[in-house]
Amino acid sequence: MMTNRATILQLIAAVITICLMAVLHDWLGWYLHRLDPKFLQGLAVGICLTIVIVLMALRYDHRKSVALTLREQQRTRNIIDL
């Protein structure tokens, strides 16, 4: 059960986070408005490609770990069979 102090600290943290996000939103909007549209298009494409590459790497890593786990389980079964 949460104490009263923890709840108050969470509320303070939430308010600070909301304020920081509002300031970041205003600053980022001002900064991006000043940039060239072609640069923004290139930035968007770069971000999308980076996300795709990261997702592919995570998928590959997940498949590799699943295969390793299955291989480990099979080796354990073979040892038990002996």
C-alpha atoms as a PDB file:
ATOM      1  CA  MET A   1       0.000   0.000   0.000  1.00  0.00           C
ATOM      2  CA  MET A   2       1.358   3.413  -0.943  1.00  0.00           C
ATOM      3  CA  THR A   3       2.021   5.932   1.700  1.00  0.00           C
ATOM      4  CA  ASN A   4       0.778   9.474   1.569  1.00  0.00           C
ATOM      5  CA  ARG A   5       4.324  10.741   1.075  1.00  0.00           C
ATOM      6  CA  ALA A   6       4.901   8.497  -1.959  1.00  0.00           C
ATOM      7  CA  THR A   7       1.658   9.708  -3.534  1.00  0.00           C
ATOM      8  CA  ILE A   8       2.639  13.338  -3.061  1.00  0.00           C
ATOM      9  CA  LEU A   9       6.082  12.694  -4.558  1.00  0.00           C
ATOM     10  CA  GLN A  10       4.479  10.980  -7.555  1.00  0.00           C
ATOM     11  CA  LEU A  11       2.159  13.951  -8.086  1.00  0.00           C
ATOM     12  CA  ILE A  12       5.083  16.371  -7.913  1.00  0.00           C
ATOM     13  CA  ALA A  13       7.024  14.245 -10.405  1.00  0.00           C
ATOM     14  CA  ALA A  14       4.001  14.157 -12.723  1.00  0.00           C
ATOM     15  CA  VAL A  15       3.589  17.947 -12.612  1.00  0.00           C
ATOM     16  CA  ILE A  16       7.293  18.485 -13.313  1.00  0.00           C
ATOM     17  CA  THR A  17       7.157  16.028 -16.206  1.00  0.00           C
ATOM     18  CA  ILE A  18       4.107  17.758 -17.711  1.00  0.00           C
ATOM     19  CA  CYS A  19       5.815  21.152 -17.443  1.00  0.00           C
ATOM     20  CA  LEU A  20       8.991  19.845 -19.079  1.00  0.00           C
ATOM     21  CA  MET A  21       7.007  18.243 -21.898  1.00  0.00           C
ATOM     22  CA  ALA A  22       5.102  21.503 -22.520  1.00  0.00           C
ATOM     23  CA  VAL A  23       8.340  23.500 -22.699  1.00  0.00           C
ATOM     24  CA  LEU A  24       9.919  20.889 -24.967  1.00  0.00           C
ATOM     25  CA  HIS A  25       6.854  20.957 -27.218  1.00  0.00           C
ATOM     26  CA  ASP A  26       6.992  24.735 -27.576  1.00  0.00           C
ATOM     27  CA  TRP A  27      10.745  24.819 -28.167  1.00  0.00           C
ATOM     28  CA  LEU A  28      10.717  21.931 -30.621  1.00  0.00           C
ATOM     29  CA  GLY A  29       7.819  23.454 -32.550  1.00  0.00           C
ATOM     30  CA  TRP A  30       9.658  26.772 -32.800  1.00  0.00           C
ATOM     31  CA  TYR A  31      12.899  25.075 -33.880  1.00  0.00           C
ATOM     32  CA  LEU A  32      11.318  22.777 -36.470  1.00  0.00           C
ATOM     33  CA  HIS A  33       9.316  25.666 -37.925  1.00  0.00           C
ATOM     34  CA  ARG A  34      12.580  27.413 -38.775  1.00  0.00           C
ATOM     35  CA  LEU A  35      14.042  24.418 -40.649  1.00  0.00           C
ATOM     36  CA  ASP A  36      13.836  23.714 -44.372  1.00  0.00           C
ATOM     37  CA  PRO A  37      11.013  21.302 -45.352  1.00  0.00           C
ATOM     38  CA  LYS A  38      13.421  19.120 -47.357  1.00  0.00           C
ATOM     39  CA  PHE A  39      15.613  18.715 -44.292  1.00  0.00           C
ATOM     40  CA  LEU A  40      12.574  17.676 -42.268  1.00  0.00           C
ATOM     41  CA  GLN A  41      11.628  15.112 -44.929  1.00  0.00           C
ATOM     42  CA  GLY A  42      15.131  13.681 -44.846  1.00  0.00           C
ATOM     43  CA  LEU A  43      15.046  13.626 -41.060  1.00  0.00           C
ATOM     44  CA  ALA A  44      11.723  11.761 -41.093  1.00  0.00           C
ATOM     45  CA  VAL A  45      13.014   9.205 -43.595  1.00  0.00           C
ATOM     46  CA  GLY A  46      16.183   8.724 -41.560  1.00  0.00           C
ATOM     47  CA  ILE A  47      14.212   8.196 -38.366  1.00  0.00           C
ATOM     48  CA  CYS A  48      11.913   5.676 -40.077  1.00  0.00           C
ATOM     49  CA  LEU A  49      14.849   3.725 -41.523  1.00  0.00           C
ATOM     50  CA  THR A  50      16.589   3.715 -38.162  1.00  0.00           C
ATOM     51  CA  ILE A  51      13.462   2.366 -36.476  1.00  0.00           C
ATOM     52  CA  VAL A  52      13.135  -0.377 -39.118  1.00  0.00           C
ATOM     53  CA  ILE A  53      16.784  -1.402 -38.685  1.00  0.00           C
ATOM     54  CA  VAL A  54      16.478  -1.473 -34.887  1.00  0.00           C
ATOM     55  CA  LEU A  55      13.294  -3.555 -35.066  1.00  0.00           C
ATOM     56  CA  MET A  56      14.944  -5.996 -37.482  1.00  0.00           C
ATOM     57  CA  ALA A  57      17.954  -6.310 -35.164  1.00  0.00           C
ATOM     58  CA  LEU A  58      15.698  -6.930 -32.158  1.00  0.00           C
ATOM     59  CA  ARG A  59      13.737  -9.551 -34.110  1.00  0.00           C
ATOM     60  CA  TYR A  60      16.954 -11.285 -35.167  1.00  0.00           C
ATOM     61  CA  ASP A  61      18.221 -11.235 -31.589  1.00  0.00           C
ATOM     62  CA  HIS A  62      14.926 -12.640 -30.312  1.00  0.00           C
ATOM     63  CA  ARG A  63      14.977 -15.456 -32.878  1.00  0.00           C
ATOM     64  CA  LYS A  64      18.576 -16.240 -31.979  1.00  0.00           C
ATOM     65  CA  SER A  65      17.766 -16.412 -28.265  1.00  0.00           C
ATOM     66  CA  VAL A  66      14.747 -18.659 -28.910  1.00  0.00           C
ATOM     67  CA  ALA A  67      16.882 -20.999 -31.022  1.00  0.00           C
ATOM     68  CA  LEU A  68      19.546 -21.055 -28.314  1.00  0.00           C
ATOM     69  CA  THR A  69      16.935 -21.859 -25.666  1.00  0.00           C
ATOM     70  CA  LEU A  70      15.494 -24.688 -27.761  1.00  0.00           C
ATOM     71  CA  ARG A  71      18.989 -26.074 -28.397  1.00  0.00           C
ATOM     72  CA  GLU A  72      19.743 -25.937 -24.675  1.00  0.00           C
ATOM     73  CA  GLN A  73      16.496 -27.765 -23.868  1.00  0.00           C
ATOM     74  CA  GLN A  74      17.251 -30.444 -26.452  1.00  0.00           C
ATOM     75  CA  ARG A  75      20.755 -30.929 -25.058  1.00  0.00           C
ATOM     76  CA  THR A  76      19.286 -31.339 -21.565  1.00  0.00           C
ATOM     77  CA  ARG A  77      16.856 -33.967 -22.871  1.00  0.00           C
ATOM     78  CA  ASN A  78      19.690 -35.822 -24.602  1.00  0.00           C
ATOM     79  CA  ILE A  79      21.728 -35.835 -21.388  1.00  0.00           C
ATOM     80  CA  ILE A  80      18.737 -37.186 -19.449  1.00  0.00           C
ATOM     81  CA  ASP A  81      18.200 -39.907 -22.087  1.00  0.00           C
ATOM     82  CA  LEU A  82      21.777 -41.084 -21.676  1.00  0.00           C
END
